[in-house]
C-alpha atoms as a PDB file:
ATOM      1  CA  MET A   1     -15.452   6.576  17.569  1.00  0.00           C
ATOM      2  CA  TYR A   2     -13.360   9.453  18.266  1.00  0.00           C
ATOM      3  CA  GLY A   3     -12.427  12.722  16.568  1.00  0.00           C
ATOM      4  CA  ARG A   4      -9.591  12.707  14.049  1.00  0.00           C
ATOM      5  CA  ALA A   5      -6.526  14.535  14.736  1.00  0.00           C
ATOM      6  CA  VAL A   6      -4.711  16.411  12.096  1.00  0.00           C
ATOM      7  CA  LEU A   7      -1.181  15.147  11.904  1.00  0.00           C
ATOM      8  CA  LYS A   8       1.705  17.384  11.459  1.00  0.00           C
ATOM      9  CA  GLN A   9       4.572  16.733   9.297  1.00  0.00           C
ATOM     10  CA  ASP A  10       6.705  15.469  12.290  1.00  0.00           C
ATOM     11  CA  ASP A  11       3.839  12.822  13.113  1.00  0.00           C
ATOM     12  CA  ILE A  12       3.661  11.671   9.651  1.00  0.00           C
ATOM     13  CA  GLU A  13       7.558  11.180   9.553  1.00  0.00           C
ATOM     14  CA  TYR A  14       7.369   9.519  12.928  1.00  0.00           C
ATOM     15  CA  ALA A  15       4.582   7.095  11.640  1.00  0.00           C
ATOM     16  CA  LEU A  16       6.601   6.319   8.582  1.00  0.00           C
ATOM     17  CA  GLU A  17       9.837   5.632  10.437  1.00  0.00           C
ATOM     18  CA  ASN A  18       7.964   3.310  13.142  1.00  0.00           C
ATOM     19  CA  THR A  19       6.125   1.104  10.632  1.00  0.00           C
ATOM     20  CA  ARG A  20       7.398  -2.470  10.716  1.00  0.00           C
ATOM     21  CA  VAL A  21       6.008  -5.312   8.769  1.00  0.00           C
ATOM     22  CA  ILE A  22       5.948  -8.260  11.134  1.00  0.00           C
ATOM     23  CA  VAL A  23       4.420 -10.876   8.661  1.00  0.00           C
ATOM     24  CA  ALA A  24       4.379  -9.819   4.900  1.00  0.00           C
ATOM     25  CA  PRO A  25       1.714 -11.149   2.620  1.00  0.00           C
ATOM     26  CA  GLU A  26       2.906 -14.430   0.566  1.00  0.00           C
ATOM     27  CA  GLN A  27       1.497 -13.329  -2.419  1.00  0.00           C
ATOM     28  CA  GLN A  28       2.150 -10.085  -4.367  1.00  0.00           C
ATOM     29  CA  ILE A  29      -0.211  -7.864  -6.460  1.00  0.00           C
ATOM     30  CA  ALA A  30      -1.591  -9.746  -9.037  1.00  0.00           C
ATOM     31  CA  THR A  31      -0.915  -8.661 -12.616  1.00  0.00           C
ATOM     32  CA  PHE A  32      -4.115  -9.542 -14.289  1.00  0.00           C
ATOM     33  CA  GLY A  33      -6.760  -9.316 -11.540  1.00  0.00           C
ATOM     34  CA  ASN A  34      -7.752  -7.920  -8.349  1.00  0.00           C
ATOM     35  CA  THR A  35      -5.936  -8.909  -5.049  1.00  0.00           C
ATOM     36  CA  SER A  36      -7.140  -8.607  -1.551  1.00  0.00           C
ATOM     37  CA  PHE A  37      -4.951  -8.359   1.556  1.00  0.00           C
ATOM     38  CA  GLU A  38      -5.977  -8.846   5.177  1.00  0.00           C
ATOM     39  CA  PHE A  39      -4.148  -6.708   7.591  1.00  0.00           C
ATOM     40  CA  HIS A  40      -3.662  -6.594  11.303  1.00  0.00           C
ATOM     41  CA  LEU A  41      -2.216  -3.290  12.436  1.00  0.00           C
ATOM     42  CA  ILE A  42      -1.061  -3.119  16.065  1.00  0.00           C
ATOM     43  CA  ALA A  43      -0.079   0.084  17.878  1.00  0.00           C
ATOM     44  CA  GLU A  44       0.375   0.972  21.455  1.00  0.00           C
ATOM     45  CA  LEU A  45      -1.900   3.551  22.883  1.00  0.00           C
ATOM     46  CA  MET A  46       0.052   6.786  23.827  1.00  0.00           C
ATOM     47  CA  ASP A  47      -1.823   7.804  26.584  1.00  0.00           C
ATOM     48  CA  THR A  48      -2.551   4.539  28.415  1.00  0.00           C
ATOM     49  CA  VAL A  49       0.133   2.384  29.706  1.00  0.00           C
ATOM     50  CA  GLY A  50      -0.130  -1.360  28.871  1.00  0.00           C
ATOM     51  CA  ARG A  51      -2.802  -0.935  26.314  1.00  0.00           C
ATOM     52  CA  VAL A  52      -2.626  -1.956  22.615  1.00  0.00           C
ATOM     53  CA  ARG A  53      -5.118  -1.302  19.783  1.00  0.00           C
ATOM     54  CA  VAL A  54      -5.391  -3.725  16.911  1.00  0.00           C
ATOM     55  CA  ARG A  55      -7.021  -2.698  13.773  1.00  0.00           C
ATOM     56  CA  THR A  56      -7.990  -5.539  11.283  1.00  0.00           C
ATOM     57  CA  GLY A  57      -9.175  -5.077   7.808  1.00  0.00           C
ATOM     58  CA  ARG A  58      -8.886  -5.492   4.255  1.00  0.00           C
ATOM     59  CA  LEU A  59      -7.099  -3.689   1.392  1.00  0.00           C
ATOM     60  CA  ASP A  60      -8.258  -4.351  -2.192  1.00  0.00           C
ATOM     61  CA  ALA A  61      -5.617  -3.717  -4.816  1.00  0.00           C
ATOM     62  CA  GLU A  62      -7.031  -3.360  -8.438  1.00  0.00           C
ATOM     63  CA  ARG A  63      -4.951  -4.833 -11.210  1.00  0.00           C
ATOM     64  CA  PRO A  64      -2.134  -2.491 -12.388  1.00  0.00           C
ATOM     65  CA  GLN A  65      -2.765  -0.695 -15.345  1.00  0.00           C
ATOM     66  CA  ILE A  66      -0.059   0.284 -17.920  1.00  0.00           C
ATOM     67  CA  LEU A  67       0.240   4.143 -18.343  1.00  0.00           C
ATOM     68  CA  SER A  68       2.355   4.475 -21.448  1.00  0.00           C
ATOM     69  CA  PRO A  69       4.158   7.326 -22.864  1.00  0.00           C
ATOM     70  CA  GLU A  70       1.417   7.722 -25.645  1.00  0.00           C
ATOM     71  CA  TYR A  71      -1.091   8.058 -22.510  1.00  0.00           C
ATOM     72  CA  PHE A  72       1.169  10.738 -21.072  1.00  0.00           C
ATOM     73  CA  SER A  73       1.600  12.527 -24.337  1.00  0.00           C
ATOM     74  CA  ARG A  74      -2.130  12.729 -24.788  1.00  0.00           C
ATOM     75  CA  LEU A  75      -2.212  14.512 -21.295  1.00  0.00           C
ATOM     76  CA  LEU A  76       0.392  16.895 -22.348  1.00  0.00           C
ATOM     77  CA  MET A  77      -1.407  18.130 -25.497  1.00  0.00           C
ATOM     78  CA  ASP A  78      -3.991  20.034 -23.772  1.00  0.00           C
ATOM     79  CA  GLY A  79      -3.233  23.685 -23.427  1.00  0.00           C
ATOM     80  CA  PHE A  80       0.420  23.101 -23.931  1.00  0.00           C
ATOM     81  CA  GLY A  81       2.475  24.693 -26.848  1.00  0.00           C
ATOM     82  CA  GLU A  82       4.887  23.462 -29.441  1.00  0.00           C
ATOM     83  CA  GLN A  83       7.620  22.466 -27.058  1.00  0.00           C
ATOM     84  CA  ALA A  84       5.356  20.199 -25.106  1.00  0.00           C
ATOM     85  CA  ARG A  85       4.132  18.721 -28.470  1.00  0.00           C
ATOM     86  CA  GLN A  86       7.606  17.926 -29.640  1.00  0.00           C
ATOM     87  CA  TYR A  87       8.442  16.377 -26.303  1.00  0.00           C
ATOM     88  CA  ALA A  88       5.340  14.246 -26.514  1.00  0.00           C
ATOM     89  CA  GLU A  89       6.512  13.028 -29.783  1.00  0.00           C
ATOM     90  CA  ARG A  90       9.619  11.941 -28.506  1.00  0.00           C
ATOM     91  CA  LEU A  91       7.892  10.017 -25.791  1.00  0.00           C
ATOM     92  CA  ARG A  92       5.886   8.310 -28.556  1.00  0.00           C
ATOM     93  CA  GLU A  93       9.131   7.372 -30.304  1.00  0.00           C
ATOM     94  CA  ARG A  94      10.409   5.519 -27.093  1.00  0.00           C
ATOM     95  CA  ALA A  95       7.075   3.912 -26.216  1.00  0.00           C
ATOM     96  CA  ARG A  96       8.293   0.527 -26.107  1.00  0.00           C
ATOM     97  CA  GLN A  97      11.023   1.412 -23.607  1.00  0.00           C
ATOM     98  CA  ILE A  98       9.203   3.221 -21.045  1.00  0.00           C
ATOM     99  CA  ALA A  99       6.129   2.232 -19.234  1.00  0.00           C
ATOM    100  CA  VAL A 100       4.483   3.193 -15.869  1.00  0.00           C
ATOM    101  CA  LEU A 101       2.322   0.939 -13.879  1.00  0.00           C
ATOM    102  CA  ARG A 102      -0.663   2.556 -11.808  1.00  0.00           C
ATOM    103  CA  TYR A 103      -1.924   0.699  -8.948  1.00  0.00           C
ATOM    104  CA  GLY A 104      -5.540   1.329  -7.698  1.00  0.00           C
ATOM    105  CA  PHE A 105      -6.268   0.595  -3.974  1.00  0.00           C
ATOM    106  CA  GLN A 106      -9.478   0.769  -2.324  1.00  0.00           C
ATOM    107  CA  PHE A 107      -9.491   1.279   1.467  1.00  0.00           C
ATOM    108  CA  ARG A 108     -12.974   1.162   3.186  1.00  0.00           C
ATOM    109  CA  LYS A 109     -13.249   2.210   6.804  1.00  0.00           C
ATOM    110  CA  SER A 110     -16.317   0.001   7.118  1.00  0.00           C
ATOM    111  CA  ASN A 111     -13.983  -2.951   6.632  1.00  0.00           C
ATOM    112  CA  VAL A 112     -11.879  -1.975   9.737  1.00  0.00           C
ATOM    113  CA  SER A 113     -12.492  -3.195  13.117  1.00  0.00           C
ATOM    114  CA  GLU A 114     -10.643  -2.114  16.282  1.00  0.00           C
ATOM    115  CA  THR A 115      -9.932  -4.054  19.381  1.00  0.00           C
ATOM    116  CA  THR A 116      -8.071  -2.570  22.527  1.00  0.00           C
ATOM    117  CA  ILE A 117      -6.086  -5.307  24.534  1.00  0.00           C
ATOM    118  CA  SER A 118      -4.304  -4.949  27.830  1.00  0.00           C
ATOM    119  CA  GLY A 119      -0.831  -6.353  27.704  1.00  0.00           C
ATOM    120  CA  SER A 120       2.400  -5.628  26.066  1.00  0.00           C
ATOM    121  CA  ILE A 121       2.815  -4.682  22.469  1.00  0.00           C
ATOM    122  CA  GLU A 122       5.345  -7.451  22.040  1.00  0.00           C
ATOM    123  CA  HIS A 123       2.834 -10.137  23.450  1.00  0.00           C
ATOM    124  CA  VAL A 124       0.163  -8.839  21.123  1.00  0.00           C
ATOM    125  CA  ILE A 125       2.407  -8.826  17.997  1.00  0.00           C
ATOM    126  CA  GLU A 126       3.416 -12.425  18.794  1.00  0.00           C
ATOM    127  CA  ARG A 127       0.016 -13.739  19.305  1.00  0.00           C
ATOM    128  CA  THR A 128      -1.303 -11.889  16.230  1.00  0.00           C
ATOM    129  CA  ARG A 129       1.822 -13.300  14.241  1.00  0.00           C
ATOM    130  CA  ARG A 130       1.153 -16.888  15.225  1.00  0.00           C
ATOM    131  CA  HIS A 131      -2.718 -16.454  14.229  1.00  0.00           C
ATOM    132  CA  VAL A 132      -1.825 -15.119  10.945  1.00  0.00           C
ATOM    133  CA  GLU A 133       0.669 -17.729  10.189  1.00  0.00           C
ATOM    134  CA  ARG A 134      -1.625 -20.728  11.495  1.00  0.00           C
ATOM    135  CA  SER A 135      -4.396 -19.385   9.292  1.00  0.00           C
ATOM    136  CA  GLU A 136      -2.001 -20.177   6.224  1.00  0.00           C
ATOM    137  CA  ASP A 137      -3.830 -17.226   4.446  1.00  0.00           C
ATOM    138  CA  PRO A 138      -1.210 -16.052   1.730  1.00  0.00           C
ATOM    139  CA  ARG A 139      -3.014 -12.630   2.117  1.00  0.00           C
ATOM    140  CA  GLY A 140      -2.376 -11.994   5.668  1.00  0.00           C
ATOM    141  CA  ALA A 141      -0.341  -9.196   6.998  1.00  0.00           C
ATOM    142  CA  VAL A 142       0.782  -8.239  10.540  1.00  0.00           C
ATOM    143  CA  ILE A 143       2.087  -4.524  10.804  1.00  0.00           C
ATOM    144  CA  HIS A 144       3.408  -2.795  13.992  1.00  0.00           C
ATOM    145  CA  GLY A 145       2.815   0.927  13.745  1.00  0.00           C
ATOM    146  CA  VAL A 146       1.756   3.871  15.713  1.00  0.00           C
ATOM    147  CA  ASP A 147      -1.800   4.613  16.918  1.00  0.00           C
ATOM    148  CA  GLU A 148      -2.256   8.217  16.003  1.00  0.00           C
ATOM    149  CA  GLY A 149      -0.709   7.804  12.613  1.00  0.00           C
ATOM    150  CA  TRP A 150      -2.100   4.324  12.040  1.00  0.00           C
ATOM    151  CA  GLU A 151      -3.413   5.349   8.305  1.00  0.00           C
ATOM    152  CA  VAL A 152       0.177   6.545   7.262  1.00  0.00           C
ATOM    153  CA  CYS A 153       1.456   3.292   8.389  1.00  0.00           C
ATOM    154  CA  LEU A 154      -1.003   1.454   6.315  1.00  0.00           C
ATOM    155  CA  LEU A 155      -0.193   3.530   3.459  1.00  0.00           C
ATOM    156  CA  LYS A 156       3.574   2.977   3.826  1.00  0.00           C
ATOM    157  CA  PHE A 157       2.707  -0.893   3.781  1.00  0.00           C
ATOM    158  CA  THR A 158       0.693  -0.269   0.644  1.00  0.00           C
ATOM    159  CA  VAL A 159       3.602   1.462  -1.171  1.00  0.00           C
ATOM    160  CA  ASP A 160       6.015  -1.341  -0.111  1.00  0.00           C
ATOM    161  CA  LEU A 161       3.760  -3.865  -1.564  1.00  0.00           C
ATOM    162  CA  ILE A 162       3.697  -1.962  -4.789  1.00  0.00           C
ATOM    163  CA  GLU A 163       7.394  -1.544  -4.889  1.00  0.00           C
ATOM    164  CA  LYS A 164       7.654  -5.497  -4.294  1.00  0.00           C
ATOM    165  CA  SER A 165       5.191  -6.320  -7.113  1.00  0.00           C
ATOM    166  CA  ALA A 166       6.197  -3.781  -9.714  1.00  0.00           C
ATOM    167  CA  GLY A 167       9.140  -5.880 -10.959  1.00  0.00           C
ATOM    168  CA  GLU A 168       6.988  -8.979 -11.337  1.00  0.00           C
ATOM    169  CA  ASN A 169       4.046  -7.192 -12.847  1.00  0.00           C
ATOM    170  CA  LEU A 170       6.311  -5.443 -15.552  1.00  0.00           C
ATOM    171  CA  GLY A 171       7.844  -8.704 -16.449  1.00  0.00           C
ATOM    172  CA  ASP A 172       4.380 -10.281 -16.930  1.00  0.00           C
ATOM    173  CA  PHE A 173       3.281  -7.361 -19.066  1.00  0.00           C
ATOM    174  CA  ARG A 174       6.585  -7.617 -21.190  1.00  0.00           C
ATOM    175  CA  ARG A 175       6.214 -11.698 -21.552  1.00  0.00           C
ATOM    176  CA  ARG A 176       2.601 -10.977 -22.943  1.00  0.00           C
ATOM    177  CA  GLY A 177       4.110  -8.481 -25.350  1.00  0.00           C
ATOM    178  CA  LEU A 178       1.923  -5.685 -23.640  1.00  0.00           C
ATOM    179  CA  ILE A 179       4.886  -3.225 -23.248  1.00  0.00           C
END
């Protein structure tokens, strides 16, 4: 493997702006169980013309947990004064109106494999897209990103998955009377 480069803020912004999901997983993050996603992150090598790196791996999403105002008010109590206690009490009173979901992801480097391919980025993306679509795996994703900031690209993909899943997850919790 090669050494890690420390990304500057501009590099992070560049990675975020240049992350494109080509194939999104059909399934969302499950409300009441763990969910796995298989990703193919494709990026052009910056220092070699006509070379593309494909990283393939798995993201495991733990089931979302409800963090209620009651939970937050317990956190506020340690070392805080009377004003914080009063605010915590207001949160408790509105507990049925407010809830936050916490999503946990595990990302293991051991599950990531890399392949460097000669060819155009468009050709590699198209070939990978067809492969994932033919596999009919509802967990498959194809992401076009940048090589140096590929982990940032993967995190952006993860945050987008959370945002897409949150409404349905909250609805599931409400339907079961959990919030």
